[in-house]
Amino acid sequence: MKVRYDGGTDAQVRWGSNDDPRKHRTKGEIYTIKAQEIHSSHTKITLVEFPTFKFNAASFTYLNK
């Protein structure tokens, strides 16, 4: 599954103690999801390209499902 990084906000990073994608991702770049953790109020994603980080899925747009 592919996603596009759309940018992140402080609130998205803080929600659920996510890693900060603004330090590691380039806005508009396409990445591949390795894993998802679905919680009651947010989803964390791990990317194939950066497998040691967990990001709030709200910072990304799903391109295919």
Protein backbone atom coordinates (compact mmCIF):
# COMPACT_ATOMS: atom_id res chain seq x y z
CA MET A 1 0.00 0.00 0.00
CA LYS A 2 1.37 3.40 -1.00
CA VAL A 3 1.01 6.72 0.82
CA ARG A 4 2.02 10.31 0.06
CA TYR A 5 3.46 12.44 2.83
CA ASP A 6 1.40 15.63 3.14
CA GLY A 7 3.19 17.29 6.04
CA GLY A 8 2.63 17.05 9.75
CA THR A 9 1.56 19.22 12.65
CA ASP A 10 2.67 19.32 16.26
CA ALA A 11 -0.72 17.87 17.29
CA GLN A 12 -0.38 14.92 14.90
CA VAL A 13 3.07 14.12 16.26
CA ARG A 14 2.04 14.40 19.91
CA TRP A 15 -1.16 12.35 19.47
CA GLY A 16 -0.21 8.82 20.46
CA SER A 17 3.48 9.65 20.91
CA ASN A 18 4.33 9.31 17.22
CA ASP A 19 7.69 9.94 15.64
CA ASP A 20 8.01 13.33 13.93
CA PRO A 21 7.80 12.85 10.14
CA ARG A 22 8.89 16.44 9.49
CA LYS A 23 12.44 15.46 10.43
CA HIS A 24 12.64 12.48 8.08
CA ARG A 25 10.12 12.83 5.22
CA THR A 26 9.84 15.06 2.19
CA LYS A 27 6.40 16.56 1.52
CA GLY A 28 4.88 15.04 -1.60
CA GLU A 29 7.10 11.95 -1.58
CA ILE A 30 5.53 8.50 -1.99
CA TYR A 31 6.28 5.73 0.52
CA THR A 32 5.22 2.11 1.04
CA ILE A 33 3.49 1.02 4.23
CA LYS A 34 5.17 -1.87 6.01
CA ALA A 35 2.73 -2.12 8.93
CA GLN A 36 -0.25 -0.38 10.50
CA GLU A 37 -1.37 -0.16 14.13
CA ILE A 38 -5.04 0.76 14.27
CA HIS A 39 -6.11 2.36 17.54
CA SER A 40 -9.51 3.72 18.57
CA SER A 41 -8.68 7.33 17.70
CA HIS A 42 -5.68 7.16 15.35
CA THR A 43 -3.58 4.86 13.18
CA LYS A 44 0.18 4.56 13.30
CA ILE A 45 2.06 3.49 10.19
CA THR A 46 5.55 2.12 9.68
CA LEU A 47 7.13 2.69 6.28
CA VAL A 48 9.26 0.19 4.35
CA GLU A 49 11.76 2.96 3.69
CA PHE A 50 12.07 3.90 7.39
CA PRO A 51 11.17 0.76 9.39
CA THR A 52 12.26 2.03 12.82
CA PHE A 53 9.76 4.93 12.96
CA LYS A 54 6.01 5.05 13.64
CA PHE A 55 4.04 7.95 12.17
CA ASN A 56 0.49 9.20 12.56
CA ALA A 57 -1.36 8.19 9.40
CA ALA A 58 -3.08 11.61 9.43
CA SER A 59 0.13 13.06 7.99
CA PHE A 60 -0.24 10.89 4.88
CA THR A 61 -2.75 10.29 2.07
CA TYR A 62 -3.45 6.68 1.14
CA LEU A 63 -2.99 6.28 -2.62
CA ASN A 64 -4.34 2.74 -2.97
CA LYS A 65 -6.07 0.36 -0.62
